[in-house]
Amino acid sequence: MDNTLNEFACSITLITDTVKELRQIEEQKAISASEGRHDKMDEFLKQEQVFLLKLRGLEQSRLRCMEAMGWKDLTFRGILSGLPKAQKERLLPLFTDLDRELGLLLDAKDSAQRIITLRLAEFQQALLKRGQSNQLFERKA
């Protein structure tokens, strides 16, 4: 059980690190979009894909560990409630860090999306002023 718990803890740490990397990419996307550096977006999207694939593999590892520990359908809170104090003290900071990073990622993603949407609207307005309407950027109702 200790090996599986160690592997589980390691997977949570690696997931947290990967989420942090994704957050940093989202922050870079927001900065680049706000500065009008649209040429950087393709690079960021490629980096994002790499980290998403890594995250998918780490998530599978986490799920395998959870199943091996008999935690298949448990939330992190549910896992903590059934653990001895020492294991709880070990996992709680990992879960807290992951939760914090996920919140920061969502905030960064929302920010980047708002800025990109604004820039696309500005681009569309510039095209319309020039008489070059482009259906690609029009919103669907």
Foldseek 3Di string as FASTA:
>chain_A
DVVLLVQLLVLLVVLLVLLLVLLVLLLVLLVCLVVVVVVCVVVSVVVNVVSVVVNVVSVVSNQVSCVVVVNNPPDPVRVLVPDDPVSNVSCVVSVVSSVVSVVSSVVSNVSSVVSNLVSLVVVQVVCVVVVNHDPVNDDDD
